[in-house]
Amino acid sequence: MVDNHKHRKSIENRLARIEGHVRSVKQMSVEGRDCGELLIQLAAIRSAVDSCGKLILKDHLQGCVVDAVKHGDEEKVLEDLNKSIDQFIR
């Protein structure tokens, strides 16, 4: 099976950083840090998650969608792509 996901390693690295960041913010909360500091860090995490989602979507477009179009089922491709976008952007 050919892996059409060029950004897979980058995505895994980003998710690992996000995971560490979330653990750090949890620890900040346990330590009773200022709410403003927690909110700033949560905003940074949200931005990182959104950025990672965009990269996954890009990977999906460049890999899965292009491959599916080459194999001819364009209607199913569009249906799946629309579903993916709807699930990501709520």
PDB file of N, CA and C in Angstrom:
ATOM      1  N   MET A   1       0.841  -1.184   0.000  1.00  0.00           N
ATOM      2  CA  MET A   1       0.000   0.000   0.000  1.00  0.00           C
ATOM      3  C   MET A   1       0.883   1.243   0.000  1.00  0.00           C
ATOM      4  N   VAL A   2       0.585   2.174  -0.858  1.00  0.00           N
ATOM      5  CA  VAL A   2       1.348   3.405  -0.972  1.00  0.00           C
ATOM      6  C   VAL A   2       0.797   4.424   0.025  1.00  0.00           C
ATOM      7  N   ASP A   3       1.691   5.071   0.764  1.00  0.00           N
ATOM      8  CA  ASP A   3       1.262   6.103   1.707  1.00  0.00           C
ATOM      9  C   ASP A   3       1.270   7.443   0.987  1.00  0.00           C
ATOM     10  N   ASN A   4       0.071   7.994   0.763  1.00  0.00           N
ATOM     11  CA  ASN A   4      -0.071   9.260   0.051  1.00  0.00           C
ATOM     12  C   ASN A   4      -0.005  10.461   0.984  1.00  0.00           C
ATOM     13  N   HIS A   5       0.380  10.257   2.204  1.00  0.00           N
ATOM     14  CA  HIS A   5       0.350  11.323   3.199  1.00  0.00           C
ATOM     15  C   HIS A   5       1.756  11.871   3.435  1.00  0.00           C
ATOM     16  N   LYS A   6       2.099  12.900   2.683  1.00  0.00           N
ATOM     17  CA  LYS A   6       3.436  13.495   2.759  1.00  0.00           C
ATOM     18  C   LYS A   6       3.712  14.169   4.096  1.00  0.00           C
ATOM     19  N   HIS A   7       2.662  14.625   4.748  1.00  0.00           N
ATOM     20  CA  HIS A   7       2.831  15.405   5.972  1.00  0.00           C
ATOM     21  C   HIS A   7       2.639  14.587   7.248  1.00  0.00           C
ATOM     22  N   ARG A   8       2.526  13.277   7.134  1.00  0.00           N
ATOM     23  CA  ARG A   8       2.188  12.423   8.277  1.00  0.00           C
ATOM     24  C   ARG A   8       3.156  12.625   9.446  1.00  0.00           C
ATOM     25  N   LYS A   9       4.444  12.635   9.188  1.00  0.00           N
ATOM     26  CA  LYS A   9       5.423  12.783  10.273  1.00  0.00           C
ATOM     27  C   LYS A   9       5.291  14.156  10.931  1.00  0.00           C
ATOM     28  N   SER A  10       5.105  15.185  10.143  1.00  0.00           N
ATOM     29  CA  SER A  10       4.915  16.532  10.683  1.00  0.00           C
ATOM     30  C   SER A  10       3.660  16.605  11.545  1.00  0.00           C
ATOM     31  N   ILE A  11       2.608  15.943  11.099  1.00  0.00           N
ATOM     32  CA  ILE A  11       1.357  15.914  11.863  1.00  0.00           C
ATOM     33  C   ILE A  11       1.587  15.223  13.201  1.00  0.00           C
ATOM     34  N   GLU A  12       2.266  14.089  13.180  1.00  0.00           N
ATOM     35  CA  GLU A  12       2.557  13.364  14.418  1.00  0.00           C
ATOM     36  C   GLU A  12       3.384  14.222  15.372  1.00  0.00           C
ATOM     37  N   ASN A  13       4.358  14.930  14.845  1.00  0.00           N
ATOM     38  CA  ASN A  13       5.191  15.806  15.684  1.00  0.00           C
ATOM     39  C   ASN A  13       4.374  16.942  16.280  1.00  0.00           C
ATOM     40  N   ARG A  14       3.513  17.544  15.478  1.00  0.00           N
ATOM     41  CA  ARG A  14       2.662  18.634  15.974  1.00  0.00           C
ATOM     42  C   ARG A  14       1.729  18.137  17.077  1.00  0.00           C
ATOM     43  N   LEU A  15       1.142  16.958  16.862  1.00  0.00           N
ATOM     44  CA  LEU A  15       0.234  16.406  17.869  1.00  0.00           C
ATOM     45  C   LEU A  15       0.972  16.095  19.171  1.00  0.00           C
ATOM     46  N   ALA A  16       2.198  15.637  19.066  1.00  0.00           N
ATOM     47  CA  ALA A  16       2.990  15.376  20.272  1.00  0.00           C
ATOM     48  C   ALA A  16       3.263  16.678  21.028  1.00  0.00           C
ATOM     49  N   ARG A  17       3.573  17.754  20.295  1.00  0.00           N
ATOM     50  CA  ARG A  17       3.791  19.052  20.942  1.00  0.00           C
ATOM     51  C   ARG A  17       2.509  19.559  21.593  1.00  0.00           C
ATOM     52  N   ILE A  18       1.395  19.390  20.899  1.00  0.00           N
ATOM     53  CA  ILE A  18       0.098  19.812  21.453  1.00  0.00           C
ATOM     54  C   ILE A  18      -0.196  19.030  22.729  1.00  0.00           C
ATOM     55  N   GLU A  19       0.053  17.742  22.696  1.00  0.00           N
ATOM     56  CA  GLU A  19      -0.170  16.897  23.866  1.00  0.00           C
ATOM     57  C   GLU A  19       0.654  17.387  25.060  1.00  0.00           C
ATOM     58  N   GLY A  20       1.910  17.700  24.815  1.00  0.00           N
ATOM     59  CA  GLY A  20       2.771  18.237  25.875  1.00  0.00           C
ATOM     60  C   GLY A  20       2.284  19.579  26.382  1.00  0.00           C
ATOM     61  N   HIS A  21       1.827  20.393  25.473  1.00  0.00           N
ATOM     62  CA  HIS A  21       1.329  21.719  25.827  1.00  0.00           C
ATOM     63  C   HIS A  21       0.092  21.592  26.725  1.00  0.00           C
ATOM     64  N   VAL A  22      -0.812  20.678  26.375  1.00  0.00           N
ATOM     65  CA  VAL A  22      -2.019  20.465  27.177  1.00  0.00           C
ATOM     66  C   VAL A  22      -1.645  19.992  28.575  1.00  0.00           C
ATOM     67  N   ARG A  23      -0.682  19.080  28.664  1.00  0.00           N
ATOM     68  CA  ARG A  23      -0.227  18.617  29.987  1.00  0.00           C
ATOM     69  C   ARG A  23       0.343  19.771  30.803  1.00  0.00           C
ATOM     70  N   SER A  24       1.076  20.649  30.155  1.00  0.00           N
ATOM     71  CA  SER A  24       1.655  21.808  30.846  1.00  0.00           C
ATOM     72  C   SER A  24       0.577  22.747  31.380  1.00  0.00           C
ATOM     73  N   VAL A  25      -0.447  22.975  30.583  1.00  0.00           N
ATOM     74  CA  VAL A  25      -1.530  23.854  31.014  1.00  0.00           C
ATOM     75  C   VAL A  25      -2.303  23.208  32.164  1.00  0.00           C
ATOM     76  N   LYS A  26      -2.487  21.915  32.102  1.00  0.00           N
ATOM     77  CA  LYS A  26      -3.134  21.212  33.205  1.00  0.00           C
ATOM     78  C   LYS A  26      -2.330  21.404  34.489  1.00  0.00           C
ATOM     79  N   GLN A  27      -1.027  21.287  34.384  1.00  0.00           N
ATOM     80  CA  GLN A  27      -0.159  21.475  35.548  1.00  0.00           C
ATOM     81  C   GLN A  27      -0.241  22.916  36.056  1.00  0.00           C
ATOM     82  N   MET A  28      -0.313  23.856  35.139  1.00  0.00           N
ATOM     83  CA  MET A  28      -0.478  25.258  35.528  1.00  0.00           C
ATOM     84  C   MET A  28      -1.748  25.431  36.352  1.00  0.00           C
ATOM     85  N   SER A  29      -2.809  24.765  35.940  1.00  0.00           N
ATOM     86  CA  SER A  29      -4.074  24.844  36.660  1.00  0.00           C
ATOM     87  C   SER A  29      -3.952  24.232  38.052  1.00  0.00           C
ATOM     88  N   VAL A  30      -3.306  23.074  38.112  1.00  0.00           N
ATOM     89  CA  VAL A  30      -3.095  22.401  39.400  1.00  0.00           C
ATOM     90  C   VAL A  30      -2.312  23.312  40.349  1.00  0.00           C
ATOM     91  N   GLU A  31      -1.370  24.048  39.800  1.00  0.00           N
ATOM     92  CA  GLU A  31      -0.529  24.948  40.606  1.00  0.00           C
ATOM     93  C   GLU A  31      -1.255  26.247  40.965  1.00  0.00           C
ATOM     94  N   GLY A  32      -2.450  26.441  40.430  1.00  0.00           N
ATOM     95  CA  GLY A  32      -3.218  27.640  40.755  1.00  0.00           C
ATOM     96  C   GLY A  32      -2.769  28.887  40.032  1.00  0.00           C
ATOM     97  N   ARG A  33      -2.196  28.714  38.845  1.00  0.00           N
ATOM     98  CA  ARG A  33      -1.727  29.870  38.074  1.00  0.00           C
ATOM     99  C   ARG A  33      -2.896  30.758  37.662  1.00  0.00           C
ATOM    100  N   ASP A  34      -2.583  31.964  37.326  1.00  0.00           N
ATOM    101  CA  ASP A  34      -3.553  32.990  36.948  1.00  0.00           C
ATOM    102  C   ASP A  34      -4.423  32.527  35.779  1.00  0.00           C
ATOM    103  N   CYS A  35      -5.729  32.801  35.884  1.00  0.00           N
ATOM    104  CA  CYS A  35      -6.683  32.415  34.838  1.00  0.00           C
ATOM    105  C   CYS A  35      -6.309  33.012  33.482  1.00  0.00           C
ATOM    106  N   GLY A  36      -5.831  34.245  33.482  1.00  0.00           N
ATOM    107  CA  GLY A  36      -5.425  34.886  32.227  1.00  0.00           C
ATOM    108  C   GLY A  36      -4.313  34.122  31.533  1.00  0.00           C
ATOM    109  N   GLU A  37      -3.357  33.627  32.323  1.00  0.00           N
ATOM    110  CA  GLU A  37      -2.264  32.833  31.747  1.00  0.00           C
ATOM    111  C   GLU A  37      -2.805  31.538  31.142  1.00  0.00           C
ATOM    112  N   LEU A  38      -3.747  30.911  31.855  1.00  0.00           N
ATOM    113  CA  LEU A  38      -4.343  29.672  31.341  1.00  0.00           C
ATOM    114  C   LEU A  38      -5.071  29.929  30.029  1.00  0.00           C
ATOM    115  N   LEU A  39      -5.819  31.021  29.979  1.00  0.00           N
ATOM    116  CA  LEU A  39      -6.563  31.338  28.760  1.00  0.00           C
ATOM    117  C   LEU A  39      -5.636  31.610  27.579  1.00  0.00           C
ATOM    118  N   ILE A  40      -4.549  32.290  27.834  1.00  0.00           N
ATOM    119  CA  ILE A  40      -3.571  32.549  26.767  1.00  0.00           C
ATOM    120  C   ILE A  40      -3.020  31.232  26.225  1.00  0.00           C
ATOM    121  N   GLN A  41      -2.692  30.331  27.136  1.00  0.00           N
ATOM    122  CA  GLN A  41      -2.152  29.031  26.713  1.00  0.00           C
ATOM    123  C   GLN A  41      -3.200  28.194  25.981  1.00  0.00           C
ATOM    124  N   LEU A  42      -4.447  28.254  26.436  1.00  0.00           N
ATOM    125  CA  LEU A  42      -5.515  27.532  25.742  1.00  0.00           C
ATOM    126  C   LEU A  42      -5.731  28.074  24.334  1.00  0.00           C
ATOM    127  N   ALA A  43      -5.611  29.386  24.184  1.00  0.00           N
ATOM    128  CA  ALA A  43      -5.732  29.982  22.845  1.00  0.00           C
ATOM    129  C   ALA A  43      -4.603  29.487  21.941  1.00  0.00           C
ATOM    130  N   ALA A  44      -3.414  29.358  22.500  1.00  0.00           N
ATOM    131  CA  ALA A  44      -2.278  28.844  21.724  1.00  0.00           C
ATOM    132  C   ALA A  44      -2.510  27.387  21.328  1.00  0.00           C
ATOM    133  N   ILE A  45      -3.064  26.603  22.240  1.00  0.00           N
ATOM    134  CA  ILE A  45      -3.364  25.201  21.936  1.00  0.00           C
ATOM    135  C   ILE A  45      -4.422  25.112  20.844  1.00  0.00           C
ATOM    136  N   ARG A  46      -5.470  25.931  20.965  1.00  0.00           N
ATOM    137  CA  ARG A  46      -6.533  25.916  19.952  1.00  0.00           C
ATOM    138  C   ARG A  46      -5.955  26.265  18.575  1.00  0.00           C
ATOM    139  N   SER A  47      -5.088  27.242  18.533  1.00  0.00           N
ATOM    140  CA  SER A  47      -4.467  27.631  17.269  1.00  0.00           C
ATOM    141  C   SER A  47      -3.622  26.485  16.709  1.00  0.00           C
ATOM    142  N   ALA A  48      -2.887  25.813  17.580  1.00  0.00           N
ATOM    143  CA  ALA A  48      -2.050  24.691  17.143  1.00  0.00           C
ATOM    144  C   ALA A  48      -2.906  23.535  16.619  1.00  0.00           C
ATOM    145  N   VAL A  49      -4.025  23.267  17.279  1.00  0.00           N
ATOM    146  CA  VAL A  49      -4.926  22.207  16.824  1.00  0.00           C
ATOM    147  C   VAL A  49      -5.520  22.573  15.463  1.00  0.00           C
ATOM    148  N   ASP A  50      -5.942  23.825  15.306  1.00  0.00           N
ATOM    149  CA  ASP A  50      -6.482  24.267  14.014  1.00  0.00           C
ATOM    150  C   ASP A  50      -5.439  24.139  12.906  1.00  0.00           C
ATOM    151  N   SER A  51      -4.219  24.527  13.212  1.00  0.00           N
ATOM    152  CA  SER A  51      -3.136  24.441  12.240  1.00  0.00           C
ATOM    153  C   SER A  51      -2.867  22.982  11.851  1.00  0.00           C
ATOM    154  N   CYS A  52      -2.908  22.106  12.819  1.00  0.00           N
ATOM    155  CA  CYS A  52      -2.707  20.689  12.556  1.00  0.00           C
ATOM    156  C   CYS A  52      -3.851  20.143  11.705  1.00  0.00           C
ATOM    157  N   GLY A  53      -5.067  20.559  12.009  1.00  0.00           N
ATOM    158  CA  GLY A  53      -6.219  20.140  11.216  1.00  0.00           C
ATOM    159  C   GLY A  53      -6.110  20.583   9.772  1.00  0.00           C
ATOM    160  N   LYS A  54      -5.633  21.784   9.564  1.00  0.00           N
ATOM    161  CA  LYS A  54      -5.441  22.287   8.198  1.00  0.00           C
ATOM    162  C   LYS A  54      -4.415  21.437   7.452  1.00  0.00           C
ATOM    163  N   LEU A  55      -3.360  21.045   8.153  1.00  0.00           N
ATOM    164  CA  LEU A  55      -2.331  20.222   7.523  1.00  0.00           C
ATOM    165  C   LEU A  55      -2.883  18.835   7.177  1.00  0.00           C
ATOM    166  N   ILE A  56      -3.707  18.281   8.057  1.00  0.00           N
ATOM    167  CA  ILE A  56      -4.344  16.996   7.765  1.00  0.00           C
ATOM    168  C   ILE A  56      -5.266  17.132   6.562  1.00  0.00           C
ATOM    169  N   LEU A  57      -6.024  18.210   6.494  1.00  0.00           N
ATOM    170  CA  LEU A  57      -6.908  18.447   5.348  1.00  0.00           C
ATOM    171  C   LEU A  57      -6.096  18.592   4.058  1.00  0.00           C
ATOM    172  N   LYS A  58      -4.982  19.305   4.137  1.00  0.00           N
ATOM    173  CA  LYS A  58      -4.099  19.467   2.981  1.00  0.00           C
ATOM    174  C   LYS A  58      -3.580  18.100   2.527  1.00  0.00           C
ATOM    175  N   ASP A  59      -3.162  17.280   3.490  1.00  0.00           N
ATOM    176  CA  ASP A  59      -2.687  15.935   3.199  1.00  0.00           C
ATOM    177  C   ASP A  59      -3.794  15.114   2.528  1.00  0.00           C
ATOM    178  N   HIS A  60      -5.003  15.262   3.047  1.00  0.00           N
ATOM    179  CA  HIS A  60      -6.146  14.538   2.498  1.00  0.00           C
ATOM    180  C   HIS A  60      -6.391  14.946   1.045  1.00  0.00           C
ATOM    181  N   LEU A  61      -6.340  16.244   0.792  1.00  0.00           N
ATOM    182  CA  LEU A  61      -6.550  16.741  -0.572  1.00  0.00           C
ATOM    183  C   LEU A  61      -5.456  16.262  -1.519  1.00  0.00           C
ATOM    184  N   GLN A  62      -4.203  16.406  -1.093  1.00  0.00           N
ATOM    185  CA  GLN A  62      -3.077  16.090  -1.972  1.00  0.00           C
ATOM    186  C   GLN A  62      -2.876  14.593  -2.154  1.00  0.00           C
ATOM    187  N   GLY A  63      -3.321  13.820  -1.196  1.00  0.00           N
ATOM    188  CA  GLY A  63      -3.112  12.378  -1.269  1.00  0.00           C
ATOM    189  C   GLY A  63      -4.374  11.634  -1.624  1.00  0.00           C
ATOM    190  N   CYS A  64      -5.266  11.511  -0.661  1.00  0.00           N
ATOM    191  CA  CYS A  64      -6.471  10.686  -0.807  1.00  0.00           C
ATOM    192  C   CYS A  64      -7.377  11.155  -1.944  1.00  0.00           C
ATOM    193  N   VAL A  65      -7.649  12.440  -1.981  1.00  0.00           N
ATOM    194  CA  VAL A  65      -8.596  12.960  -2.975  1.00  0.00           C
ATOM    195  C   VAL A  65      -8.022  12.839  -4.381  1.00  0.00           C
ATOM    196  N   VAL A  66      -6.789  13.238  -4.562  1.00  0.00           N
ATOM    197  CA  VAL A  66      -6.169  13.148  -5.887  1.00  0.00           C
ATOM    198  C   VAL A  66      -6.119  11.694  -6.352  1.00  0.00           C
ATOM    199  N   ASP A  67      -5.764  10.787  -5.437  1.00  0.00           N
ATOM    200  CA  ASP A  67      -5.704   9.367  -5.778  1.00  0.00           C
ATOM    201  C   ASP A  67      -7.092   8.838  -6.155  1.00  0.00           C
ATOM    202  N   ALA A  68      -8.108   9.222  -5.407  1.00  0.00           N
ATOM    203  CA  ALA A  68      -9.462   8.761  -5.701  1.00  0.00           C
ATOM    204  C   ALA A  68      -9.957   9.298  -7.042  1.00  0.00           C
ATOM    205  N   VAL A  69      -9.629  10.551  -7.350  1.00  0.00           N
ATOM    206  CA  VAL A  69     -10.026  11.128  -8.642  1.00  0.00           C
ATOM    207  C   VAL A  69      -9.354  10.371  -9.784  1.00  0.00           C
ATOM    208  N   LYS A  70      -8.090  10.019  -9.594  1.00  0.00           N
ATOM    209  CA  LYS A  70      -7.372   9.261 -10.628  1.00  0.00           C
ATOM    210  C   LYS A  70      -8.029   7.914 -10.887  1.00  0.00           C
ATOM    211  N   HIS A  71      -8.677   7.369  -9.846  1.00  0.00           N
ATOM    212  CA  HIS A  71      -9.321   6.071  -9.989  1.00  0.00           C
ATOM    213  C   HIS A  71     -10.793   6.174 -10.361  1.00  0.00           C
ATOM    214  N   GLY A  72     -11.269   7.391 -10.618  1.00  0.00           N
ATOM    215  CA  GLY A  72     -12.522   7.594 -11.298  1.00  0.00           C
ATOM    216  C   GLY A  72     -13.812   7.860 -10.565  1.00  0.00           C
ATOM    217  N   ASP A  73     -13.895   7.770  -9.264  1.00  0.00           N
ATOM    218  CA  ASP A  73     -15.179   7.967  -8.598  1.00  0.00           C
ATOM    219  C   ASP A  73     -15.278   9.392  -8.055  1.00  0.00           C
ATOM    220  N   GLU A  74     -15.406  10.348  -8.962  1.00  0.00           N
ATOM    221  CA  GLU A  74     -15.397  11.760  -8.581  1.00  0.00           C
ATOM    222  C   GLU A  74     -16.570  12.143  -7.683  1.00  0.00           C
ATOM    223  N   GLU A  75     -17.742  11.572  -7.913  1.00  0.00           N
ATOM    224  CA  GLU A  75     -18.913  11.904  -7.099  1.00  0.00           C
ATOM    225  C   GLU A  75     -18.688  11.476  -5.640  1.00  0.00           C
ATOM    226  N   LYS A  76     -18.169  10.292  -5.446  1.00  0.00           N
ATOM    227  CA  LYS A  76     -17.890   9.809  -4.093  1.00  0.00           C
ATOM    228  C   LYS A  76     -16.791  10.649  -3.453  1.00  0.00           C
ATOM    229  N   VAL A  77     -15.803  11.042  -4.235  1.00  0.00           N
ATOM    230  CA  VAL A  77     -14.714  11.883  -3.735  1.00  0.00           C
ATOM    231  C   VAL A  77     -15.271  13.197  -3.205  1.00  0.00           C
ATOM    232  N   LEU A  78     -16.111  13.840  -3.985  1.00  0.00           N
ATOM    233  CA  LEU A  78     -16.691  15.115  -3.561  1.00  0.00           C
ATOM    234  C   LEU A  78     -17.557  14.944  -2.317  1.00  0.00           C
ATOM    235  N   GLU A  79     -18.306  13.870  -2.260  1.00  0.00           N
ATOM    236  CA  GLU A  79     -19.147  13.598  -1.100  1.00  0.00           C
ATOM    237  C   GLU A  79     -18.277  13.413   0.159  1.00  0.00           C
ATOM    238  N   ASP A  80     -17.224  12.619   0.037  1.00  0.00           N
ATOM    239  CA  ASP A  80     -16.328  12.383   1.173  1.00  0.00           C
ATOM    240  C   ASP A  80     -15.585  13.652   1.580  1.00  0.00           C
ATOM    241  N   LEU A  81     -15.168  14.435   0.598  1.00  0.00           N
ATOM    242  CA  LEU A  81     -14.458  15.680   0.887  1.00  0.00           C
ATOM    243  C   LEU A  81     -15.372  16.658   1.614  1.00  0.00           C
ATOM    244  N   ASN A  82     -16.590  16.811   1.133  1.00  0.00           N
ATOM    245  CA  ASN A  82     -17.537  17.695   1.804  1.00  0.00           C
ATOM    246  C   ASN A  82     -17.810  17.240   3.230  1.00  0.00           C
ATOM    247  N   LYS A  83     -17.927  15.953   3.427  1.00  0.00           N
ATOM    248  CA  LYS A  83     -18.145  15.416   4.772  1.00  0.00           C
ATOM    249  C   LYS A  83     -16.955  15.742   5.670  1.00  0.00           C
ATOM    250  N   SER A  84     -15.748  15.557   5.165  1.00  0.00           N
ATOM    251  CA  SER A  84     -14.538  15.864   5.946  1.00  0.00           C
ATOM    252  C   SER A  84     -14.475  17.331   6.328  1.00  0.00           C
ATOM    253  N   ILE A  85     -14.775  18.200   5.386  1.00  0.00           N
ATOM    254  CA  ILE A  85     -14.752  19.646   5.658  1.00  0.00           C
ATOM    255  C   ILE A  85     -15.813  20.009   6.689  1.00  0.00           C
ATOM    256  N   ASP A  86     -17.011  19.454   6.528  1.00  0.00           N
ATOM    257  CA  ASP A  86     -18.084  19.736   7.493  1.00  0.00           C
ATOM    258  C   ASP A  86     -17.725  19.270   8.902  1.00  0.00           C
ATOM    259  N   GLN A  87     -17.042  18.159   9.016  1.00  0.00           N
ATOM    260  CA  GLN A  87     -16.660  17.648  10.332  1.00  0.00           C
ATOM    261  C   GLN A  87     -15.553  18.500  10.948  1.00  0.00           C
ATOM    262  N   PHE A  88     -14.677  19.023  10.133  1.00  0.00           N
ATOM    263  CA  PHE A  88     -13.567  19.833  10.649  1.00  0.00           C
ATOM    264  C   PHE A  88     -14.018  21.247  11.006  1.00  0.00           C
ATOM    265  N   ILE A  89     -14.841  21.839  10.150  1.00  0.00           N
ATOM    266  CA  ILE A  89     -15.291  23.213  10.356  1.00  0.00           C
ATOM    267  C   ILE A  89     -16.729  23.174  10.847  1.00  0.00           C
ATOM    268  N   ARG A  90     -16.892  23.422  12.115  1.00  0.00           N
ATOM    269  CA  ARG A  90     -18.231  23.408  12.714  1.00  0.00           C
ATOM    270  C   ARG A  90     -18.576  24.764  13.243  1.00  0.00           C
TER     271      ARG A  90
END
